[in-house]
PDB file of N, CA and C in Angstrom:
ATOM      1  N   MET A   1       0.826 -20.592 -10.864  1.00  0.00           N
ATOM      2  CA  MET A   1       0.728 -19.351 -11.599  1.00  0.00           C
ATOM      3  C   MET A   1       0.759 -19.638 -13.096  1.00  0.00           C
ATOM      4  N   PHE A   2       1.836 -20.187 -13.570  1.00  0.00           N
ATOM      5  CA  PHE A   2       1.921 -20.583 -14.969  1.00  0.00           C
ATOM      6  C   PHE A   2       1.760 -22.090 -15.019  1.00  0.00           C
ATOM      7  N   ASP A   3       1.046 -22.565 -16.010  1.00  0.00           N
ATOM      8  CA  ASP A   3       0.838 -24.001 -16.138  1.00  0.00           C
ATOM      9  C   ASP A   3       1.904 -24.554 -17.077  1.00  0.00           C
ATOM     10  N   ILE A   4       3.131 -24.624 -16.577  1.00  0.00           N
ATOM     11  CA  ILE A   4       4.259 -25.108 -17.365  1.00  0.00           C
ATOM     12  C   ILE A   4       4.740 -26.409 -16.737  1.00  0.00           C
ATOM     13  N   GLY A   5       4.794 -27.446 -17.552  1.00  0.00           N
ATOM     14  CA  GLY A   5       5.242 -28.746 -17.080  1.00  0.00           C
ATOM     15  C   GLY A   5       6.741 -28.925 -17.247  1.00  0.00           C
ATOM     16  N   PHE A   6       7.186 -30.121 -16.902  1.00  0.00           N
ATOM     17  CA  PHE A   6       8.606 -30.439 -16.952  1.00  0.00           C
ATOM     18  C   PHE A   6       9.148 -30.355 -18.370  1.00  0.00           C
ATOM     19  N   TRP A   7       8.436 -30.926 -19.338  1.00  0.00           N
ATOM     20  CA  TRP A   7       8.929 -30.952 -20.717  1.00  0.00           C
ATOM     21  C   TRP A   7       8.953 -29.559 -21.331  1.00  0.00           C
ATOM     22  N   GLU A   8       8.016 -28.708 -20.936  1.00  0.00           N
ATOM     23  CA  GLU A   8       8.050 -27.334 -21.430  1.00  0.00           C
ATOM     24  C   GLU A   8       9.278 -26.594 -20.902  1.00  0.00           C
ATOM     25  N   LEU A   9       9.624 -26.841 -19.638  1.00  0.00           N
ATOM     26  CA  LEU A   9      10.826 -26.223 -19.063  1.00  0.00           C
ATOM     27  C   LEU A   9      12.092 -26.710 -19.768  1.00  0.00           C
ATOM     28  N   ILE A  10      12.143 -27.998 -20.090  1.00  0.00           N
ATOM     29  CA  ILE A  10      13.295 -28.544 -20.814  1.00  0.00           C
ATOM     30  C   ILE A  10      13.404 -27.887 -22.187  1.00  0.00           C
ATOM     31  N   LEU A  11      12.266 -27.732 -22.883  1.00  0.00           N
ATOM     32  CA  LEU A  11      12.263 -27.107 -24.204  1.00  0.00           C
ATOM     33  C   LEU A  11      12.748 -25.657 -24.121  1.00  0.00           C
ATOM     34  N   ILE A  12      12.291 -24.915 -23.120  1.00  0.00           N
ATOM     35  CA  ILE A  12      12.720 -23.525 -22.941  1.00  0.00           C
ATOM     36  C   ILE A  12      14.218 -23.469 -22.652  1.00  0.00           C
ATOM     37  N   ALA A  13      14.718 -24.395 -21.829  1.00  0.00           N
ATOM     38  CA  ALA A  13      16.146 -24.416 -21.505  1.00  0.00           C
ATOM     39  C   ALA A  13      16.988 -24.707 -22.744  1.00  0.00           C
ATOM     40  N   VAL A  14      16.562 -25.664 -23.565  1.00  0.00           N
ATOM     41  CA  VAL A  14      17.312 -26.004 -24.780  1.00  0.00           C
ATOM     42  C   VAL A  14      17.288 -24.835 -25.756  1.00  0.00           C
ATOM     43  N   LEU A  15      16.121 -24.215 -25.937  1.00  0.00           N
ATOM     44  CA  LEU A  15      16.034 -23.061 -26.837  1.00  0.00           C
ATOM     45  C   LEU A  15      16.899 -21.905 -26.331  1.00  0.00           C
ATOM     46  N   GLY A  16      16.880 -21.668 -25.034  1.00  0.00           N
ATOM     47  CA  GLY A  16      17.722 -20.619 -24.464  1.00  0.00           C
ATOM     48  C   GLY A  16      19.193 -20.904 -24.669  1.00  0.00           C
ATOM     49  N   LEU A  17      19.575 -22.162 -24.526  1.00  0.00           N
ATOM     50  CA  LEU A  17      20.970 -22.540 -24.736  1.00  0.00           C
ATOM     51  C   LEU A  17      21.377 -22.356 -26.186  1.00  0.00           C
ATOM     52  N   LEU A  18      20.472 -22.702 -27.111  1.00  0.00           N
ATOM     53  CA  LEU A  18      20.779 -22.545 -28.535  1.00  0.00           C
ATOM     54  C   LEU A  18      20.839 -21.077 -28.947  1.00  0.00           C
ATOM     55  N   VAL A  19      19.921 -20.266 -28.432  1.00  0.00           N
ATOM     56  CA  VAL A  19      19.852 -18.860 -28.842  1.00  0.00           C
ATOM     57  C   VAL A  19      20.953 -18.035 -28.177  1.00  0.00           C
ATOM     58  N   LEU A  20      21.119 -18.181 -26.873  1.00  0.00           N
ATOM     59  CA  LEU A  20      22.063 -17.338 -26.137  1.00  0.00           C
ATOM     60  C   LEU A  20      23.468 -17.928 -26.062  1.00  0.00           C
ATOM     61  N   GLY A  21      23.564 -19.211 -26.093  1.00  0.00           N
ATOM     62  CA  GLY A  21      24.867 -19.846 -25.971  1.00  0.00           C
ATOM     63  C   GLY A  21      25.220 -20.091 -24.516  1.00  0.00           C
ATOM     64  N   PRO A  22      26.217 -20.945 -24.278  1.00  0.00           N
ATOM     65  CA  PRO A  22      26.568 -21.296 -22.895  1.00  0.00           C
ATOM     66  C   PRO A  22      27.210 -20.155 -22.113  1.00  0.00           C
ATOM     67  N   GLU A  23      27.764 -19.149 -22.797  1.00  0.00           N
ATOM     68  CA  GLU A  23      28.419 -18.053 -22.082  1.00  0.00           C
ATOM     69  C   GLU A  23      27.404 -17.044 -21.540  1.00  0.00           C
ATOM     70  N   ARG A  24      26.383 -16.736 -22.343  1.00  0.00           N
ATOM     71  CA  ARG A  24      25.436 -15.684 -21.951  1.00  0.00           C
ATOM     72  C   ARG A  24      24.202 -16.217 -21.230  1.00  0.00           C
ATOM     73  N   LEU A  25      23.935 -17.508 -21.284  1.00  0.00           N
ATOM     74  CA  LEU A  25      22.731 -18.059 -20.660  1.00  0.00           C
ATOM     75  C   LEU A  25      22.707 -17.851 -19.141  1.00  0.00           C
ATOM     76  N   PRO A  26      23.783 -18.124 -18.387  1.00  0.00           N
ATOM     77  CA  PRO A  26      23.720 -17.892 -16.932  1.00  0.00           C
ATOM     78  C   PRO A  26      23.444 -16.433 -16.569  1.00  0.00           C
ATOM     79  N   ALA A  27      24.061 -15.507 -17.287  1.00  0.00           N
ATOM     80  CA  ALA A  27      23.822 -14.085 -16.996  1.00  0.00           C
ATOM     81  C   ALA A  27      22.381 -13.713 -17.318  1.00  0.00           C
ATOM     82  N   ALA A  28      21.846 -14.257 -18.408  1.00  0.00           N
ATOM     83  CA  ALA A  28      20.458 -13.972 -18.774  1.00  0.00           C
ATOM     84  C   ALA A  28      19.501 -14.544 -17.735  1.00  0.00           C
ATOM     85  N   LEU A  29      19.809 -15.733 -17.220  1.00  0.00           N
ATOM     86  CA  LEU A  29      18.954 -16.331 -16.189  1.00  0.00           C
ATOM     87  C   LEU A  29      18.990 -15.513 -14.898  1.00  0.00           C
ATOM     88  N   ARG A  30      20.185 -15.029 -14.519  1.00  0.00           N
ATOM     89  CA  ARG A  30      20.276 -14.192 -13.316  1.00  0.00           C
ATOM     90  C   ARG A  30      19.505 -12.885 -13.502  1.00  0.00           C
ATOM     91  N   SER A  31      19.616 -12.303 -14.676  1.00  0.00           N
ATOM     92  CA  SER A  31      18.894 -11.065 -14.970  1.00  0.00           C
ATOM     93  C   SER A  31      17.388 -11.300 -14.926  1.00  0.00           C
ATOM     94  N   PHE A  32      16.954 -12.404 -15.502  1.00  0.00           N
ATOM     95  CA  PHE A  32      15.528 -12.743 -15.481  1.00  0.00           C
ATOM     96  C   PHE A  32      15.055 -12.984 -14.053  1.00  0.00           C
ATOM     97  N   GLN A  33      15.890 -13.643 -13.253  1.00  0.00           N
ATOM     98  CA  GLN A  33      15.535 -13.909 -11.863  1.00  0.00           C
ATOM     99  C   GLN A  33      15.394 -12.601 -11.078  1.00  0.00           C
ATOM    100  N   ARG A  34      16.309 -11.647 -11.279  1.00  0.00           N
ATOM    101  CA  ARG A  34      16.217 -10.344 -10.602  1.00  0.00           C
ATOM    102  C   ARG A  34      14.958  -9.596 -11.024  1.00  0.00           C
ATOM    103  N   MET A  35      14.660  -9.640 -12.328  1.00  0.00           N
ATOM    104  CA  MET A  35      13.468  -8.960 -12.820  1.00  0.00           C
ATOM    105  C   MET A  35      12.211  -9.591 -12.223  1.00  0.00           C
ATOM    106  N   LEU A  36      12.174 -10.911 -12.175  1.00  0.00           N
ATOM    107  CA  LEU A  36      11.021 -11.615 -11.622  1.00  0.00           C
ATOM    108  C   LEU A  36      10.865 -11.314 -10.130  1.00  0.00           C
ATOM    109  N   ALA A  37      11.973 -11.239  -9.400  1.00  0.00           N
ATOM    110  CA  ALA A  37      11.915 -10.898  -7.975  1.00  0.00           C
ATOM    111  C   ALA A  37      11.400  -9.477  -7.780  1.00  0.00           C
ATOM    112  N   GLY A  38      11.813  -8.557  -8.646  1.00  0.00           N
ATOM    113  CA  GLY A  38      11.321  -7.177  -8.558  1.00  0.00           C
ATOM    114  C   GLY A  38       9.832  -7.088  -8.824  1.00  0.00           C
ATOM    115  N   VAL A  39       9.366  -7.821  -9.822  1.00  0.00           N
ATOM    116  CA  VAL A  39       7.932  -7.828 -10.131  1.00  0.00           C
ATOM    117  C   VAL A  39       7.152  -8.434  -8.973  1.00  0.00           C
ATOM    118  N   LYS A  40       7.689  -9.492  -8.395  1.00  0.00           N
ATOM    119  CA  LYS A  40       7.023 -10.144  -7.266  1.00  0.00           C
ATOM    120  C   LYS A  40       6.960  -9.204  -6.057  1.00  0.00           C
ATOM    121  N   ALA A  41       8.051  -8.503  -5.770  1.00  0.00           N
ATOM    122  CA  ALA A  41       8.076  -7.558  -4.647  1.00  0.00           C
ATOM    123  C   ALA A  41       7.094  -6.418  -4.881  1.00  0.00           C
ATOM    124  N   TYR A  42       7.050  -5.921  -6.115  1.00  0.00           N
ATOM    125  CA  TYR A  42       6.110  -4.848  -6.445  1.00  0.00           C
ATOM    126  C   TYR A  42       4.671  -5.329  -6.272  1.00  0.00           C
ATOM    127  N   GLY A  43       4.385  -6.543  -6.720  1.00  0.00           N
ATOM    128  CA  GLY A  43       3.040  -7.094  -6.577  1.00  0.00           C
ATOM    129  C   GLY A  43       2.635  -7.255  -5.124  1.00  0.00           C
ATOM    130  N   SER A  44       3.547  -7.725  -4.291  1.00  0.00           N
ATOM    131  CA  SER A  44       3.216  -7.882  -2.876  1.00  0.00           C
ATOM    132  C   SER A  44       3.048  -6.530  -2.196  1.00  0.00           C
ATOM    133  N   LYS A  45       3.818  -5.528  -2.634  1.00  0.00           N
ATOM    134  CA  LYS A  45       3.675  -4.178  -2.079  1.00  0.00           C
ATOM    135  C   LYS A  45       2.310  -3.600  -2.439  1.00  0.00           C
ATOM    136  N   VAL A  46       1.908  -3.764  -3.687  1.00  0.00           N
ATOM    137  CA  VAL A  46       0.599  -3.273  -4.126  1.00  0.00           C
ATOM    138  C   VAL A  46      -0.511  -3.995  -3.370  1.00  0.00           C
ATOM    139  N   GLN A  47      -0.362  -5.304  -3.191  1.00  0.00           N
ATOM    140  CA  GLN A  47      -1.367  -6.072  -2.470  1.00  0.00           C
ATOM    141  C   GLN A  47      -1.476  -5.596  -1.019  1.00  0.00           C
ATOM    142  N   ALA A  48      -0.349  -5.333  -0.374  1.00  0.00           N
ATOM    143  CA  ALA A  48      -0.368  -4.854   1.008  1.00  0.00           C
ATOM    144  C   ALA A  48      -1.040  -3.486   1.100  1.00  0.00           C
ATOM    145  N   GLU A  49      -0.752  -2.597   0.137  1.00  0.00           N
ATOM    146  CA  GLU A  49      -1.385  -1.278   0.141  1.00  0.00           C
ATOM    147  C   GLU A  49      -2.891  -1.389  -0.073  1.00  0.00           C
ATOM    148  N   LEU A  50      -3.309  -2.269  -0.978  1.00  0.00           N
ATOM    149  CA  LEU A  50      -4.741  -2.455  -1.214  1.00  0.00           C
ATOM    150  C   LEU A  50      -5.431  -3.017   0.022  1.00  0.00           C
ATOM    151  N   ASN A  51      -4.801  -3.990   0.674  1.00  0.00           N
ATOM    152  CA  ASN A  51      -5.381  -4.535   1.897  1.00  0.00           C
ATOM    153  C   ASN A  51      -5.503  -3.461   2.970  1.00  0.00           C
ATOM    154  N   HIS A  52      -4.496  -2.606   3.077  1.00  0.00           N
ATOM    155  CA  HIS A  52      -4.527  -1.520   4.057  1.00  0.00           C
ATOM    156  C   HIS A  52      -5.669  -0.550   3.746  1.00  0.00           C
ATOM    157  N   GLU A  53      -5.794  -0.170   2.486  1.00  0.00           N
ATOM    158  CA  GLU A  53      -6.858   0.760   2.096  1.00  0.00           C
ATOM    159  C   GLU A  53      -8.240   0.143   2.297  1.00  0.00           C
ATOM    160  N   LEU A  54      -8.387  -1.150   1.987  1.00  0.00           N
ATOM    161  CA  LEU A  54      -9.672  -1.812   2.200  1.00  0.00           C
ATOM    162  C   LEU A  54     -10.014  -1.871   3.683  1.00  0.00           C
ATOM    163  N   ARG A  55      -9.018  -2.094   4.518  1.00  0.00           N
ATOM    164  CA  ARG A  55      -9.249  -2.129   5.963  1.00  0.00           C
ATOM    165  C   ARG A  55      -9.677  -0.747   6.469  1.00  0.00           C
ATOM    166  N   ILE A  56      -9.041   0.297   5.962  1.00  0.00           N
ATOM    167  CA  ILE A  56      -9.423   1.657   6.353  1.00  0.00           C
ATOM    168  C   ILE A  56     -10.855   1.944   5.933  1.00  0.00           C
ATOM    169  N   LYS A  57     -11.209   1.563   4.699  1.00  0.00           N
ATOM    170  CA  LYS A  57     -12.575   1.797   4.220  1.00  0.00           C
ATOM    171  C   LYS A  57     -13.574   1.021   5.063  1.00  0.00           C
ATOM    172  N   GLU A  58     -13.234  -0.213   5.411  1.00  0.00           N
ATOM    173  CA  GLU A  58     -14.121  -1.023   6.239  1.00  0.00           C
ATOM    174  C   GLU A  58     -14.332  -0.369   7.602  1.00  0.00           C
ATOM    175  N   LEU A  59     -13.258   0.121   8.215  1.00  0.00           N
ATOM    176  CA  LEU A  59     -13.387   0.799   9.507  1.00  0.00           C
ATOM    177  C   LEU A  59     -14.213   2.076   9.379  1.00  0.00           C
ATOM    178  N   HIS A  60     -14.019   2.788   8.285  1.00  0.00           N
ATOM    179  CA  HIS A  60     -14.780   4.013   8.049  1.00  0.00           C
ATOM    180  C   HIS A  60     -16.269   3.685   7.897  1.00  0.00           C
ATOM    181  N   ASP A  61     -16.583   2.618   7.175  1.00  0.00           N
ATOM    182  CA  ASP A  61     -17.982   2.215   7.004  1.00  0.00           C
ATOM    183  C   ASP A  61     -18.608   1.813   8.333  1.00  0.00           C
ATOM    184  N   HIS A  62     -17.851   1.079   9.157  1.00  0.00           N
ATOM    185  CA  HIS A  62     -18.375   0.685  10.468  1.00  0.00           C
ATOM    186  C   HIS A  62     -18.602   1.909  11.351  1.00  0.00           C
ATOM    187  N   LEU A  63     -17.714   2.873  11.264  1.00  0.00           N
ATOM    188  CA  LEU A  63     -17.880   4.098  12.039  1.00  0.00           C
ATOM    189  C   LEU A  63     -19.119   4.853  11.579  1.00  0.00           C
ATOM    190  N   ALA A  64     -19.340   4.912  10.268  1.00  0.00           N
ATOM    191  CA  ALA A  64     -20.525   5.600   9.747  1.00  0.00           C
ATOM    192  C   ALA A  64     -21.800   4.894  10.189  1.00  0.00           C
ATOM    193  N   GLN A  65     -21.786   3.570  10.189  1.00  0.00           N
ATOM    194  CA  GLN A  65     -22.960   2.820  10.644  1.00  0.00           C
ATOM    195  C   GLN A  65     -23.205   3.062  12.126  1.00  0.00           C
ATOM    196  N   ALA A  66     -22.143   3.109  12.908  1.00  0.00           N
ATOM    197  CA  ALA A  66     -22.292   3.337  14.341  1.00  0.00           C
ATOM    198  C   ALA A  66     -22.808   4.740  14.618  1.00  0.00           C
ATOM    199  N   GLU A  67     -22.399   5.722  13.802  1.00  0.00           N
ATOM    200  CA  GLU A  67     -22.882   7.088  13.994  1.00  0.00           C
ATOM    201  C   GLU A  67     -24.364   7.204  13.665  1.00  0.00           C
ATOM    202  N   GLN A  68     -24.849   6.378  12.744  1.00  0.00           N
ATOM    203  CA  GLN A  68     -26.261   6.432  12.373  1.00  0.00           C
ATOM    204  C   GLN A  68     -27.147   5.858  13.473  1.00  0.00           C
ATOM    205  N   LEU A  69     -26.612   4.944  14.258  1.00  0.00           N
ATOM    206  CA  LEU A  69     -27.387   4.376  15.353  1.00  0.00           C
ATOM    207  C   LEU A  69     -27.517   5.404  16.472  1.00  0.00           C
ATOM    208  N   ASN A  70     -28.463   5.200  17.302  1.00  0.00           N
ATOM    209  CA  ASN A  70     -28.650   6.059  18.466  1.00  0.00           C
ATOM    210  C   ASN A  70     -27.492   5.800  19.436  1.00  0.00           C
ATOM    211  N   PRO A  71     -26.751   6.835  19.834  1.00  0.00           N
ATOM    212  CA  PRO A  71     -25.592   6.618  20.713  1.00  0.00           C
ATOM    213  C   PRO A  71     -25.955   5.956  22.042  1.00  0.00           C
ATOM    214  N   GLU A  72     -27.173   6.138  22.511  1.00  0.00           N
ATOM    215  CA  GLU A  72     -27.568   5.521  23.776  1.00  0.00           C
ATOM    216  C   GLU A  72     -27.728   4.015  23.635  1.00  0.00           C
ATOM    217  N   GLN A  73     -27.917   3.530  22.398  1.00  0.00           N
ATOM    218  CA  GLN A  73     -28.091   2.096  22.181  1.00  0.00           C
ATOM    219  C   GLN A  73     -26.756   1.355  22.183  1.00  0.00           C
ATOM    220  N   LEU A  74     -25.680   2.074  22.041  1.00  0.00           N
ATOM    221  CA  LEU A  74     -24.368   1.446  21.988  1.00  0.00           C
ATOM    222  C   LEU A  74     -23.837   1.195  23.391  1.00  0.00           C
ATOM    223  N   SER A  75     -23.030   0.172  23.517  1.00  0.00           N
ATOM    224  CA  SER A  75     -22.414  -0.119  24.806  1.00  0.00           C
ATOM    225  C   SER A  75     -21.369   0.954  25.114  1.00  0.00           C
ATOM    226  N   PRO A  76     -21.032   1.138  26.379  1.00  0.00           N
ATOM    227  CA  PRO A  76     -20.018   2.148  26.733  1.00  0.00           C
ATOM    228  C   PRO A  76     -18.672   1.893  26.046  1.00  0.00           C
ATOM    229  N   GLU A  77     -18.335   0.620  25.866  1.00  0.00           N
ATOM    230  CA  GLU A  77     -17.068   0.296  25.201  1.00  0.00           C
ATOM    231  C   GLU A  77     -17.084   0.778  23.754  1.00  0.00           C
ATOM    232  N   LEU A  78     -18.195   0.580  23.052  1.00  0.00           N
ATOM    233  CA  LEU A  78     -18.304   1.048  21.673  1.00  0.00           C
ATOM    234  C   LEU A  78     -18.304   2.576  21.609  1.00  0.00           C
ATOM    235  N   GLN A  79     -18.944   3.216  22.583  1.00  0.00           N
ATOM    236  CA  GLN A  79     -18.949   4.680  22.604  1.00  0.00           C
ATOM    237  C   GLN A  79     -17.530   5.219  22.793  1.00  0.00           C
ATOM    238  N   ARG A  80     -16.734   4.567  23.659  1.00  0.00           N
ATOM    239  CA  ARG A  80     -15.336   4.980  23.844  1.00  0.00           C
ATOM    240  C   ARG A  80     -14.540   4.758  22.558  1.00  0.00           C
ATOM    241  N   SER A  81     -14.794   3.634  21.891  1.00  0.00           N
ATOM    242  CA  SER A  81     -14.076   3.346  20.644  1.00  0.00           C
ATOM    243  C   SER A  81     -14.396   4.382  19.579  1.00  0.00           C
ATOM    244  N   ILE A  82     -15.658   4.773  19.491  1.00  0.00           N
ATOM    245  CA  ILE A  82     -16.054   5.785  18.507  1.00  0.00           C
ATOM    246  C   ILE A  82     -15.384   7.116  18.830  1.00  0.00           C
ATOM    247  N   ALA A  83     -15.355   7.471  20.105  1.00  0.00           N
ATOM    248  CA  ALA A  83     -14.705   8.725  20.495  1.00  0.00           C
ATOM    249  C   ALA A  83     -13.212   8.691  20.164  1.00  0.00           C
ATOM    250  N   GLU A  84     -12.560   7.560  20.405  1.00  0.00           N
ATOM    251  CA  GLU A  84     -11.135   7.439  20.082  1.00  0.00           C
ATOM    252  C   GLU A  84     -10.908   7.549  18.579  1.00  0.00           C
ATOM    253  N   LEU A  85     -11.781   6.915  17.784  1.00  0.00           N
ATOM    254  CA  LEU A  85     -11.643   6.992  16.328  1.00  0.00           C
ATOM    255  C   LEU A  85     -11.833   8.420  15.832  1.00  0.00           C
ATOM    256  N   LYS A  86     -12.792   9.120  16.394  1.00  0.00           N
ATOM    257  CA  LYS A  86     -13.009  10.512  15.985  1.00  0.00           C
ATOM    258  C   LYS A  86     -11.807  11.373  16.350  1.00  0.00           C
ATOM    259  N   ASN A  87     -11.253  11.162  17.540  1.00  0.00           N
ATOM    260  CA  ASN A  87     -10.068  11.926  17.953  1.00  0.00           C
ATOM    261  C   ASN A  87      -8.876  11.615  17.055  1.00  0.00           C
ATOM    262  N   ALA A  88      -8.717  10.343  16.699  1.00  0.00           N
ATOM    263  CA  ALA A  88      -7.608   9.960  15.824  1.00  0.00           C
ATOM    264  C   ALA A  88      -7.779  10.575  14.441  1.00  0.00           C
ATOM    265  N   ALA A  89      -9.008  10.580  13.931  1.00  0.00           N
ATOM    266  CA  ALA A  89      -9.260  11.180  12.616  1.00  0.00           C
ATOM    267  C   ALA A  89      -8.991  12.678  12.658  1.00  0.00           C
ATOM    268  N   ALA A  90      -9.385  13.334  13.736  1.00  0.00           N
ATOM    269  CA  ALA A  90      -9.138  14.772  13.858  1.00  0.00           C
ATOM    270  C   ALA A  90      -7.639  15.055  13.963  1.00  0.00           C
ATOM    271  N   ALA A  91      -6.915  14.207  14.677  1.00  0.00           N
ATOM    272  CA  ALA A  91      -5.470  14.405  14.820  1.00  0.00           C
ATOM    273  C   ALA A  91      -4.753  14.226  13.491  1.00  0.00           C
ATOM    274  N   VAL A  92      -5.240  13.315  12.663  1.00  0.00           N
ATOM    275  CA  VAL A  92      -4.619  13.095  11.356  1.00  0.00           C
ATOM    276  C   VAL A  92      -4.882  14.277  10.443  1.00  0.00           C
ATOM    277  N   GLN A  93      -6.047  14.878  10.548  1.00  0.00           N
ATOM    278  CA  GLN A  93      -6.406  15.975   9.658  1.00  0.00           C
ATOM    279  C   GLN A  93      -5.752  17.289  10.067  1.00  0.00           C
ATOM    280  N   ARG A  94      -5.390  17.460  11.326  1.00  0.00           N
ATOM    281  CA  ARG A  94      -4.813  18.723  11.796  1.00  0.00           C
ATOM    282  C   ARG A  94      -3.536  19.126  11.057  1.00  0.00           C
ATOM    283  N   PRO A  95      -2.576  18.226  10.850  1.00  0.00           N
ATOM    284  CA  PRO A  95      -1.352  18.663  10.151  1.00  0.00           C
ATOM    285  C   PRO A  95      -1.616  19.118   8.723  1.00  0.00           C
ATOM    286  N   TYR A  96      -2.697  18.662   8.132  1.00  0.00           N
ATOM    287  CA  TYR A  96      -2.992  19.010   6.747  1.00  0.00           C
ATOM    288  C   TYR A  96      -3.974  20.166   6.638  1.00  0.00           C
ATOM    289  N   ALA A  97      -4.291  20.787   7.765  1.00  0.00           N
ATOM    290  CA  ALA A  97      -5.211  21.922   7.734  1.00  0.00           C
ATOM    291  C   ALA A  97      -4.599  23.042   6.909  1.00  0.00           C
ATOM    292  N   LYS A  98      -5.455  23.817   6.281  1.00  0.00           N
ATOM    293  CA  LYS A  98      -4.992  24.893   5.403  1.00  0.00           C
ATOM    294  C   LYS A  98      -4.262  25.950   6.225  1.00  0.00           C
ATOM    295  N   ALA A  99      -3.135  26.374   5.707  1.00  0.00           N
ATOM    296  CA  ALA A  99      -2.347  27.412   6.372  1.00  0.00           C
ATOM    297  C   ALA A  99      -3.101  28.730   6.288  1.00  0.00           C
ATOM    298  N   PRO A 100      -2.907  29.630   7.236  1.00  0.00           N
ATOM    299  CA  PRO A 100      -3.601  30.923   7.179  1.00  0.00           C
ATOM    300  C   PRO A 100      -3.197  31.703   5.934  1.00  0.00           C
ATOM    301  N   ASP A 101      -4.161  32.470   5.401  1.00  0.00           N
ATOM    302  CA  ASP A 101      -3.916  33.230   4.181  1.00  0.00           C
ATOM    303  C   ASP A 101      -2.915  34.364   4.403  1.00  0.00           C
ATOM    304  N   ASN A 102      -2.936  34.979   5.584  1.00  0.00           N
ATOM    305  CA  ASN A 102      -2.037  36.095   5.887  1.00  0.00           C
ATOM    306  C   ASN A 102      -0.999  35.643   6.907  1.00  0.00           C
ATOM    307  N   PRO A 103       0.127  35.125   6.440  1.00  0.00           N
ATOM    308  CA  PRO A 103       1.144  34.702   7.408  1.00  0.00           C
ATOM    309  C   PRO A 103       1.704  35.914   8.133  1.00  0.00           C
ATOM    310  N   SER A 104       2.142  35.681   9.351  1.00  0.00           N
ATOM    311  CA  SER A 104       2.674  36.801  10.138  1.00  0.00           C
ATOM    312  C   SER A 104       3.931  37.331   9.474  1.00  0.00           C
ATOM    313  N   LYS A 105       4.027  38.657   9.459  1.00  0.00           N
ATOM    314  CA  LYS A 105       5.180  39.298   8.826  1.00  0.00           C
ATOM    315  C   LYS A 105       6.297  39.410   9.843  1.00  0.00           C
ATOM    316  N   GLU A 106       7.484  39.015   9.393  1.00  0.00           N
ATOM    317  CA  GLU A 106       8.641  39.116  10.268  1.00  0.00           C
ATOM    318  C   GLU A 106       9.255  40.503  10.101  1.00  0.00           C
ATOM    319  N   PRO A 107       9.753  41.104  11.178  1.00  0.00           N
ATOM    320  CA  PRO A 107      10.375  42.431  11.049  1.00  0.00           C
ATOM    321  C   PRO A 107      11.656  42.329  10.234  1.00  0.00           C
ATOM    322  N   LYS A 108      11.864  43.329   9.409  1.00  0.00           N
ATOM    323  CA  LYS A 108      13.073  43.364   8.591  1.00  0.00           C
ATOM    324  C   LYS A 108      14.179  44.038   9.384  1.00  0.00           C
ATOM    325  N   ASP A 109      15.411  43.665   9.084  1.00  0.00           N
ATOM    326  CA  ASP A 109      16.555  44.220   9.810  1.00  0.00           C
ATOM    327  C   ASP A 109      16.760  45.698   9.510  1.00  0.00           C
ATOM    328  N   GLY A 110      16.451  46.157   8.296  1.00  0.00           N
ATOM    329  CA  GLY A 110      16.707  47.534   7.897  1.00  0.00           C
ATOM    330  C   GLY A 110      15.654  48.509   8.386  1.00  0.00           C
ATOM    331  N   ASP A 111      14.547  48.092   8.949  1.00  0.00           N
ATOM    332  CA  ASP A 111      13.462  49.000   9.353  1.00  0.00           C
ATOM    333  C   ASP A 111      13.640  49.541  10.719  1.00  0.00           C
TER     334      ASP A 111
END
């Protein structure tokens, strides 16, 4: 990742010791290590999300290509897979369907 050699690390350690002193250097190194671990975890999380989104897009593109083909040309296994994908997509969209404009009115206790 970084092209830092042994002598560069020694120079950074000596400068850190001179600037921070022997009392604060260990705490600063631990703080830097925690920050670096957080950045690394965030980067891996972003990478995993991007891979997931790319996989979804790839599956969506394959589904679109399969829909453009004549369904009779596809094998029965592919036809079942397409039907399952369509059902799964419909099931995902159902919870997010728009609520009715006129919700049912509940009876009031005083009426």
